[in-house]
Amino acid sequence: MYSGILAADLSVNESKPIQIYPPFFLPVMVLSALTGIFVYVIQHTSDENQSKPISTARPAETRIIGFARQDISKGTVLTANMLRMSRVDVKEIPGDGLWHPGIVLGRTTKYDLKKGEPICLHHFGLDKFDPEILKKWPPYQDLQKNQGLSGVAK
């Protein structure tokens, strides 16, 4: 009798098999799908950031030095409106580049200067090791707050 009931159940199940899943199967499948979507979105949004290389190099050291705001002829007395102070990479600064405008303001140029040219001490016949020049050290940017340089264009 028992075998007959089992045979009857099997014949019914053969046409439409019953699949039994554990009770946590559906939540696990939903969580897996959401995790996959999240990972896909994160990977594709971070691709923009990954295409830019990360630099580990130290930033370039810079200093403020003087440049000619206009063409200046030989024999001209330098005034503040002829001078422009700009920050540049240390590697681009001439050895006697002007770091403090007070050194050359009111002095007569010994050479012609072109607009945008860095102003150097030798343009005025000065030596960077002159005791008068060394009194102006450290460089201009360390002194600009308390040296009354408001007339110098930046």
N, C-alpha and C. Protein backbone atom coordinates (compact mmCIF):
# COMPACT_ATOMS: atom_id res chain seq x y z
N MET A 1 0.82 -1.17 0.00
CA MET A 1 0.00 0.00 0.00
C MET A 1 0.87 1.25 0.00
N TYR A 2 1.89 1.22 0.75
CA TYR A 2 2.80 2.36 0.82
C TYR A 2 3.47 2.59 -0.52
N SER A 3 3.88 1.51 -1.18
CA SER A 3 4.55 1.66 -2.47
C SER A 3 3.61 2.20 -3.53
N GLY A 4 2.35 1.96 -3.45
CA GLY A 4 1.38 2.46 -4.42
C GLY A 4 1.21 3.96 -4.30
N ILE A 5 1.18 4.48 -3.09
CA ILE A 5 1.05 5.93 -2.89
C ILE A 5 2.30 6.64 -3.40
N LEU A 6 3.42 6.05 -3.16
CA LEU A 6 4.68 6.64 -3.61
C LEU A 6 4.73 6.67 -5.13
N ALA A 7 4.29 5.62 -5.76
CA ALA A 7 4.29 5.57 -7.21
C ALA A 7 3.34 6.61 -7.77
N ALA A 8 2.21 6.82 -7.12
CA ALA A 8 1.24 7.81 -7.58
C ALA A 8 1.83 9.21 -7.44
N ASP A 9 2.53 9.47 -6.34
CA ASP A 9 3.14 10.79 -6.14
C ASP A 9 4.22 11.04 -7.17
N LEU A 10 4.99 10.02 -7.53
CA LEU A 10 6.06 10.18 -8.50
C LEU A 10 5.51 10.48 -9.87
N SER A 11 4.43 9.88 -10.22
CA SER A 11 3.87 10.13 -11.54
C SER A 11 3.36 11.56 -11.64
N VAL A 12 2.83 12.11 -10.58
CA VAL A 12 2.37 13.50 -10.57
C VAL A 12 3.58 14.43 -10.64
N ASN A 13 4.64 14.13 -9.92
CA ASN A 13 5.82 14.98 -9.85
C ASN A 13 6.65 14.94 -11.13
N GLU A 14 6.53 13.84 -11.91
CA GLU A 14 7.29 13.76 -13.14
C GLU A 14 6.85 14.81 -14.15
N SER A 15 5.59 15.12 -14.22
CA SER A 15 5.12 16.11 -15.17
C SER A 15 5.44 17.53 -14.70
N LYS A 16 5.40 17.80 -13.42
CA LYS A 16 5.66 19.13 -12.88
C LYS A 16 6.49 18.96 -11.62
N PRO A 17 7.82 18.98 -11.77
CA PRO A 17 8.65 18.74 -10.59
C PRO A 17 8.55 19.90 -9.61
N ILE A 18 8.59 19.58 -8.37
CA ILE A 18 8.55 20.58 -7.31
C ILE A 18 9.98 20.83 -6.85
N GLN A 19 10.39 22.09 -6.90
CA GLN A 19 11.74 22.43 -6.46
C GLN A 19 11.62 23.14 -5.11
N ILE A 20 12.36 22.64 -4.18
CA ILE A 20 12.30 23.21 -2.83
C ILE A 20 13.60 23.97 -2.59
N TYR A 21 13.50 25.28 -2.29
CA TYR A 21 14.65 26.12 -1.98
C TYR A 21 14.65 26.44 -0.50
N PRO A 22 15.82 26.65 0.04
CA PRO A 22 15.87 27.06 1.45
C PRO A 22 15.19 28.43 1.60
N PRO A 23 14.73 28.78 2.76
CA PRO A 23 13.98 30.03 2.96
C PRO A 23 14.83 31.29 2.74
N PHE A 24 16.15 31.22 2.83
CA PHE A 24 17.01 32.40 2.67
C PHE A 24 17.54 32.55 1.25
N PHE A 25 17.13 31.69 0.32
CA PHE A 25 17.67 31.70 -1.04
C PHE A 25 17.35 33.00 -1.77
N LEU A 26 16.10 33.44 -1.73
CA LEU A 26 15.70 34.66 -2.45
C LEU A 26 16.41 35.89 -1.90
N PRO A 27 16.49 36.13 -0.59
CA PRO A 27 17.25 37.29 -0.10
C PRO A 27 18.73 37.25 -0.48
N VAL A 28 19.33 36.06 -0.49
CA VAL A 28 20.73 35.93 -0.86
C VAL A 28 20.92 36.29 -2.34
N MET A 29 20.02 35.86 -3.18
CA MET A 29 20.11 36.17 -4.61
C MET A 29 19.95 37.67 -4.86
N VAL A 30 19.03 38.32 -4.17
CA VAL A 30 18.83 39.77 -4.32
C VAL A 30 20.07 40.51 -3.83
N LEU A 31 20.61 40.11 -2.69
CA LEU A 31 21.81 40.74 -2.16
C LEU A 31 23.00 40.56 -3.11
N SER A 32 23.14 39.39 -3.71
CA SER A 32 24.22 39.14 -4.66
C SER A 32 24.07 40.03 -5.89
N ALA A 33 22.87 40.18 -6.39
CA ALA A 33 22.64 41.03 -7.57
C ALA A 33 22.96 42.49 -7.25
N LEU A 34 22.52 42.97 -6.10
CA LEU A 34 22.79 44.35 -5.70
C LEU A 34 24.29 44.58 -5.50
N THR A 35 24.99 43.60 -4.94
CA THR A 35 26.44 43.72 -4.77
C THR A 35 27.14 43.80 -6.11
N GLY A 36 26.72 43.00 -7.06
CA GLY A 36 27.29 43.04 -8.40
C GLY A 36 27.09 44.39 -9.07
N ILE A 37 25.89 44.94 -8.94
CA ILE A 37 25.61 46.26 -9.51
C ILE A 37 26.47 47.32 -8.84
N PHE A 38 26.58 47.25 -7.53
CA PHE A 38 27.40 48.23 -6.78
C PHE A 38 28.86 48.18 -7.22
N VAL A 39 29.41 46.99 -7.34
CA VAL A 39 30.81 46.83 -7.75
C VAL A 39 31.00 47.36 -9.17
N TYR A 40 30.08 47.09 -10.05
CA TYR A 40 30.16 47.58 -11.44
C TYR A 40 30.17 49.11 -11.47
N VAL A 41 29.28 49.73 -10.72
CA VAL A 41 29.20 51.19 -10.70
C VAL A 41 30.49 51.78 -10.12
N ILE A 42 31.00 51.22 -9.05
CA ILE A 42 32.23 51.72 -8.43
C ILE A 42 33.40 51.60 -9.39
N GLN A 43 33.52 50.49 -10.07
CA GLN A 43 34.65 50.30 -10.99
C GLN A 43 34.58 51.27 -12.16
N HIS A 44 33.41 51.53 -12.67
CA HIS A 44 33.31 52.41 -13.83
C HIS A 44 33.40 53.89 -13.47
N THR A 45 33.04 54.27 -12.27
CA THR A 45 33.22 55.67 -11.88
C THR A 45 34.65 55.92 -11.45
N SER A 46 35.35 54.94 -10.93
CA SER A 46 36.73 55.14 -10.52
C SER A 46 37.70 55.02 -11.69
N ASP A 47 37.25 54.54 -12.85
CA ASP A 47 38.13 54.48 -14.03
C ASP A 47 38.60 55.86 -14.43
N GLU A 48 37.75 56.87 -14.25
CA GLU A 48 38.14 58.24 -14.59
C GLU A 48 39.31 58.67 -13.72
N ASN A 49 39.28 58.32 -12.45
CA ASN A 49 40.36 58.69 -11.53
C ASN A 49 41.61 57.86 -11.76
N GLN A 50 41.45 56.62 -12.19
CA GLN A 50 42.60 55.75 -12.38
C GLN A 50 43.38 56.12 -13.63
N SER A 51 42.74 56.80 -14.59
CA SER A 51 43.46 57.16 -15.80
C SER A 51 44.48 58.27 -15.55
N LYS A 52 44.33 59.01 -14.47
CA LYS A 52 45.29 60.05 -14.13
C LYS A 52 46.36 59.45 -13.22
N PRO A 53 47.62 59.52 -13.63
CA PRO A 53 48.66 58.96 -12.76
C PRO A 53 48.81 59.78 -11.48
N ILE A 54 49.10 59.11 -10.42
CA ILE A 54 49.31 59.78 -9.14
C ILE A 54 50.78 60.15 -9.04
N SER A 55 51.04 61.41 -8.88
CA SER A 55 52.42 61.88 -8.82
C SER A 55 52.93 61.78 -7.39
N THR A 56 54.09 61.19 -7.26
CA THR A 56 54.73 61.13 -5.94
C THR A 56 55.88 62.11 -5.86
N ALA A 57 56.08 62.85 -6.95
CA ALA A 57 57.17 63.83 -6.98
C ALA A 57 56.83 65.02 -6.09
N ARG A 58 57.86 65.59 -5.50
CA ARG A 58 57.65 66.77 -4.68
C ARG A 58 57.35 67.96 -5.57
N PRO A 59 56.49 68.87 -5.12
CA PRO A 59 56.22 70.05 -5.93
C PRO A 59 57.48 70.89 -6.09
N ALA A 60 57.55 71.58 -7.21
CA ALA A 60 58.73 72.38 -7.50
C ALA A 60 58.86 73.52 -6.49
N GLU A 61 60.08 73.80 -6.09
CA GLU A 61 60.33 74.92 -5.19
C GLU A 61 60.29 76.20 -6.02
N THR A 62 59.60 77.20 -5.51
CA THR A 62 59.46 78.46 -6.24
C THR A 62 59.95 79.63 -5.40
N ARG A 63 60.26 80.72 -6.09
CA ARG A 63 60.66 81.97 -5.45
C ARG A 63 60.04 83.11 -6.25
N ILE A 64 59.93 84.24 -5.62
CA ILE A 64 59.44 85.45 -6.30
C ILE A 64 60.66 86.25 -6.73
N ILE A 65 60.69 86.57 -8.03
CA ILE A 65 61.78 87.40 -8.55
C ILE A 65 61.20 88.51 -9.42
N GLY A 66 62.06 89.50 -9.74
CA GLY A 66 61.62 90.65 -10.51
C GLY A 66 61.77 90.46 -12.01
N PHE A 67 60.83 91.01 -12.76
CA PHE A 67 60.83 91.00 -14.22
C PHE A 67 60.57 92.41 -14.71
N ALA A 68 61.05 92.71 -15.91
CA ALA A 68 60.80 94.01 -16.51
C ALA A 68 59.36 94.05 -17.00
N ARG A 69 58.60 95.03 -16.56
CA ARG A 69 57.21 95.19 -16.97
C ARG A 69 57.13 95.78 -18.38
N GLN A 70 58.19 96.43 -18.81
CA GLN A 70 58.24 97.09 -20.12
C GLN A 70 59.68 97.05 -20.62
N ASP A 71 59.90 97.47 -21.84
CA ASP A 71 61.27 97.60 -22.34
C ASP A 71 61.94 98.75 -21.57
N ILE A 72 63.15 98.50 -21.09
CA ILE A 72 63.88 99.50 -20.30
C ILE A 72 65.22 99.74 -21.00
N SER A 73 65.49 100.98 -21.33
CA SER A 73 66.73 101.34 -22.04
C SER A 73 67.89 101.45 -21.06
N LYS A 74 69.08 101.26 -21.60
CA LYS A 74 70.31 101.45 -20.83
C LYS A 74 70.35 102.90 -20.33
N GLY A 75 70.74 103.08 -19.06
CA GLY A 75 70.83 104.41 -18.48
C GLY A 75 69.54 104.90 -17.84
N THR A 76 68.50 104.06 -17.79
CA THR A 76 67.22 104.44 -17.19
C THR A 76 67.25 104.17 -15.69
N VAL A 77 66.68 105.09 -14.91
CA VAL A 77 66.54 104.88 -13.47
C VAL A 77 65.29 104.03 -13.25
N LEU A 78 65.45 102.90 -12.59
CA LEU A 78 64.35 101.96 -12.39
C LEU A 78 63.38 102.46 -11.34
N THR A 79 62.10 102.44 -11.69
CA THR A 79 61.03 102.81 -10.74
C THR A 79 60.14 101.59 -10.53
N ALA A 80 59.30 101.65 -9.51
CA ALA A 80 58.45 100.51 -9.14
C ALA A 80 57.49 100.12 -10.26
N ASN A 81 56.99 101.10 -11.05
CA ASN A 81 56.03 100.74 -12.09
C ASN A 81 56.69 100.07 -13.30
N MET A 82 58.02 100.01 -13.34
CA MET A 82 58.74 99.29 -14.40
C MET A 82 59.02 97.84 -14.01
N LEU A 83 58.69 97.49 -12.79
CA LEU A 83 59.05 96.20 -12.20
C LEU A 83 57.80 95.37 -11.93
N ARG A 84 57.89 94.08 -12.18
CA ARG A 84 56.80 93.15 -11.87
C ARG A 84 57.42 91.96 -11.14
N MET A 85 56.89 91.63 -9.98
CA MET A 85 57.38 90.49 -9.21
C MET A 85 56.49 89.28 -9.51
N SER A 86 57.12 88.15 -9.82
CA SER A 86 56.36 86.93 -10.14
C SER A 86 57.04 85.72 -9.51
N ARG A 87 56.21 84.72 -9.20
CA ARG A 87 56.71 83.46 -8.63
C ARG A 87 57.10 82.52 -9.77
N VAL A 88 58.32 82.01 -9.71
CA VAL A 88 58.82 81.08 -10.74
C VAL A 88 59.55 79.92 -10.08
N ASP A 89 59.73 78.87 -10.86
CA ASP A 89 60.47 77.69 -10.40
C ASP A 89 61.93 78.09 -10.16
N VAL A 90 62.50 77.60 -9.08
CA VAL A 90 63.87 77.94 -8.70
C VAL A 90 64.85 77.60 -9.83
N LYS A 91 64.58 76.54 -10.58
CA LYS A 91 65.48 76.12 -11.66
C LYS A 91 65.55 77.16 -12.79
N GLU A 92 64.54 78.03 -12.89
CA GLU A 92 64.49 79.01 -13.96
C GLU A 92 65.06 80.37 -13.54
N ILE A 93 65.48 80.51 -12.30
CA ILE A 93 65.97 81.79 -11.81
C ILE A 93 67.44 81.95 -12.15
N PRO A 94 67.81 83.09 -12.75
CA PRO A 94 69.24 83.34 -12.98
C PRO A 94 69.98 83.42 -11.64
N GLY A 95 71.27 83.14 -11.67
CA GLY A 95 72.06 83.12 -10.44
C GLY A 95 72.00 84.41 -9.64
N ASP A 96 71.89 85.55 -10.32
CA ASP A 96 71.81 86.83 -9.60
C ASP A 96 70.46 87.50 -9.85
N GLY A 97 69.42 86.68 -10.00
CA GLY A 97 68.07 87.21 -10.21
C GLY A 97 67.62 88.05 -9.04
N LEU A 98 66.83 89.08 -9.33
CA LEU A 98 66.39 90.03 -8.31
C LEU A 98 65.34 89.40 -7.40
N TRP A 99 65.65 89.32 -6.11
CA TRP A 99 64.70 88.78 -5.14
C TRP A 99 64.13 89.87 -4.25
N HIS A 100 64.70 91.03 -4.23
CA HIS A 100 64.23 92.11 -3.38
C HIS A 100 64.27 93.42 -4.17
N PRO A 101 63.12 94.00 -4.48
CA PRO A 101 63.11 95.19 -5.34
C PRO A 101 63.84 96.38 -4.74
N GLY A 102 63.94 96.44 -3.43
CA GLY A 102 64.62 97.56 -2.80
C GLY A 102 66.08 97.68 -3.19
N ILE A 103 66.64 96.62 -3.69
CA ILE A 103 68.05 96.61 -4.09
C ILE A 103 68.27 97.48 -5.33
N VAL A 104 67.32 97.46 -6.27
CA VAL A 104 67.54 98.14 -7.55
C VAL A 104 66.67 99.37 -7.79
N LEU A 105 65.62 99.56 -7.00
CA LEU A 105 64.78 100.74 -7.22
C LEU A 105 65.61 102.01 -7.04
N GLY A 106 65.51 102.90 -8.02
CA GLY A 106 66.27 104.14 -7.99
C GLY A 106 67.66 104.02 -8.57
N ARG A 107 68.04 102.83 -9.02
CA ARG A 107 69.37 102.64 -9.62
C ARG A 107 69.27 102.74 -11.14
N THR A 108 70.39 103.06 -11.77
CA THR A 108 70.47 103.21 -13.23
C THR A 108 70.91 101.91 -13.87
N THR A 109 70.20 101.52 -14.93
CA THR A 109 70.53 100.27 -15.63
C THR A 109 71.81 100.43 -16.45
N LYS A 110 72.58 99.37 -16.52
CA LYS A 110 73.82 99.34 -17.30
C LYS A 110 73.60 98.66 -18.66
N TYR A 111 72.43 98.01 -18.82
CA TYR A 111 72.12 97.27 -20.04
C TYR A 111 70.66 97.53 -20.41
N ASP A 112 70.32 97.27 -21.67
CA ASP A 112 68.92 97.31 -22.10
C ASP A 112 68.21 96.07 -21.55
N LEU A 113 66.95 96.26 -21.15
CA LEU A 113 66.13 95.14 -20.68
C LEU A 113 64.88 95.08 -21.54
N LYS A 114 64.49 93.85 -21.91
CA LYS A 114 63.28 93.67 -22.70
C LYS A 114 62.12 93.32 -21.78
N LYS A 115 60.92 93.65 -22.23
CA LYS A 115 59.71 93.34 -21.46
C LYS A 115 59.67 91.84 -21.16
N GLY A 116 59.42 91.49 -19.89
CA GLY A 116 59.32 90.10 -19.47
C GLY A 116 60.65 89.45 -19.11
N GLU A 117 61.74 90.16 -19.31
CA GLU A 117 63.06 89.62 -18.98
C GLU A 117 63.30 89.66 -17.48
N PRO A 118 63.87 88.59 -16.91
CA PRO A 118 64.18 88.62 -15.47
C PRO A 118 65.22 89.72 -15.20
N ILE A 119 65.00 90.46 -14.14
CA ILE A 119 65.95 91.51 -13.76
C ILE A 119 67.01 90.89 -12.88
N CYS A 120 68.27 91.13 -13.25
CA CYS A 120 69.40 90.58 -12.51
C CYS A 120 70.23 91.71 -11.93
N LEU A 121 70.98 91.39 -10.90
CA LEU A 121 71.82 92.39 -10.24
C LEU A 121 72.88 92.94 -11.19
N HIS A 122 73.41 92.11 -12.09
CA HIS A 122 74.45 92.59 -13.00
C HIS A 122 73.94 93.64 -13.98
N HIS A 123 72.61 93.70 -14.18
CA HIS A 123 72.04 94.74 -15.04
C HIS A 123 72.29 96.14 -14.45
N PHE A 124 72.61 96.19 -13.18
CA PHE A 124 72.86 97.46 -12.49
C PHE A 124 74.30 97.57 -12.01
N GLY A 125 75.14 96.64 -12.44
CA GLY A 125 76.54 96.65 -12.03
C GLY A 125 76.73 96.20 -10.59
N LEU A 126 75.82 95.40 -10.08
CA LEU A 126 75.89 94.92 -8.70
C LEU A 126 76.36 93.48 -8.64
N ASP A 127 76.96 93.11 -7.52
CA ASP A 127 77.42 91.75 -7.28
C ASP A 127 76.58 91.18 -6.14
N LYS A 128 76.12 89.94 -6.32
CA LYS A 128 75.25 89.35 -5.29
C LYS A 128 75.97 89.11 -3.97
N PHE A 129 77.29 89.19 -3.94
CA PHE A 129 78.03 88.99 -2.71
C PHE A 129 78.43 90.32 -2.06
N ASP A 130 77.95 91.42 -2.62
CA ASP A 130 78.20 92.74 -2.06
C ASP A 130 77.53 92.80 -0.68
N PRO A 131 78.22 93.34 0.35
CA PRO A 131 77.61 93.40 1.70
C PRO A 131 76.27 94.13 1.72
N GLU A 132 76.11 95.16 0.89
CA GLU A 132 74.82 95.87 0.84
C GLU A 132 73.71 94.94 0.36
N ILE A 133 74.02 94.09 -0.60
CA ILE A 133 73.04 93.15 -1.15
C ILE A 133 72.73 92.06 -0.13
N LEU A 134 73.74 91.56 0.54
CA LEU A 134 73.54 90.47 1.51
C LEU A 134 72.68 90.91 2.68
N LYS A 135 72.62 92.21 2.98
CA LYS A 135 71.74 92.69 4.05
C LYS A 135 70.27 92.45 3.71
N LYS A 136 69.96 92.35 2.43
CA LYS A 136 68.57 92.17 1.98
C LYS A 136 68.13 90.71 2.00
N TRP A 137 69.05 89.80 2.26
CA TRP A 137 68.70 88.39 2.34
C TRP A 137 67.90 88.15 3.60
N PRO A 138 66.94 87.31 3.76
CA PRO A 138 66.44 86.27 2.87
C PRO A 138 65.62 86.82 1.70
N PRO A 139 65.23 85.92 0.80
CA PRO A 139 64.55 86.34 -0.43
C PRO A 139 63.30 87.18 -0.20
N TYR A 140 62.92 87.86 -1.23
CA TYR A 140 61.82 88.82 -1.24
C TYR A 140 60.54 88.30 -0.60
N GLN A 141 60.11 87.10 -0.91
CA GLN A 141 58.81 86.65 -0.40
C GLN A 141 58.79 86.57 1.12
N ASP A 142 59.93 86.42 1.76
CA ASP A 142 59.96 86.37 3.21
C ASP A 142 59.89 87.77 3.81
N LEU A 143 60.20 88.78 3.02
CA LEU A 143 60.24 90.15 3.51
C LEU A 143 59.07 91.01 3.05
N GLN A 144 58.30 90.56 2.10
CA GLN A 144 57.32 91.42 1.46
C GLN A 144 56.28 91.98 2.43
N LYS A 145 56.01 91.34 3.53
CA LYS A 145 54.99 91.82 4.45
C LYS A 145 55.42 93.08 5.20
N ASN A 146 56.71 93.22 5.48
CA ASN A 146 57.13 94.33 6.35
C ASN A 146 58.19 95.23 5.72
N GLN A 147 58.29 95.27 4.41
CA GLN A 147 59.31 96.10 3.77
C GLN A 147 58.74 97.30 3.03
N GLY A 148 57.46 97.56 3.12
CA GLY A 148 56.88 98.70 2.44
C GLY A 148 57.00 98.61 0.92
N LEU A 149 56.66 97.46 0.36
CA LEU A 149 56.82 97.25 -1.07
C LEU A 149 55.49 97.39 -1.81
N SER A 150 54.59 98.17 -1.27
CA SER A 150 53.27 98.28 -1.88
C SER A 150 53.30 98.93 -3.25
N GLY A 151 54.35 99.72 -3.58
CA GLY A 151 54.42 100.35 -4.87
C GLY A 151 54.89 99.43 -5.97
N VAL A 152 55.35 98.24 -5.63
CA VAL A 152 55.86 97.30 -6.61
C VAL A 152 54.70 96.46 -7.12
N ALA A 153 54.51 96.46 -8.42
CA ALA A 153 53.42 95.68 -9.02
C ALA A 153 53.72 94.19 -8.88
N LYS A 154 52.70 93.42 -8.59
CA LYS A 154 52.86 91.98 -8.45
C LYS A 154 52.23 91.28 -9.61
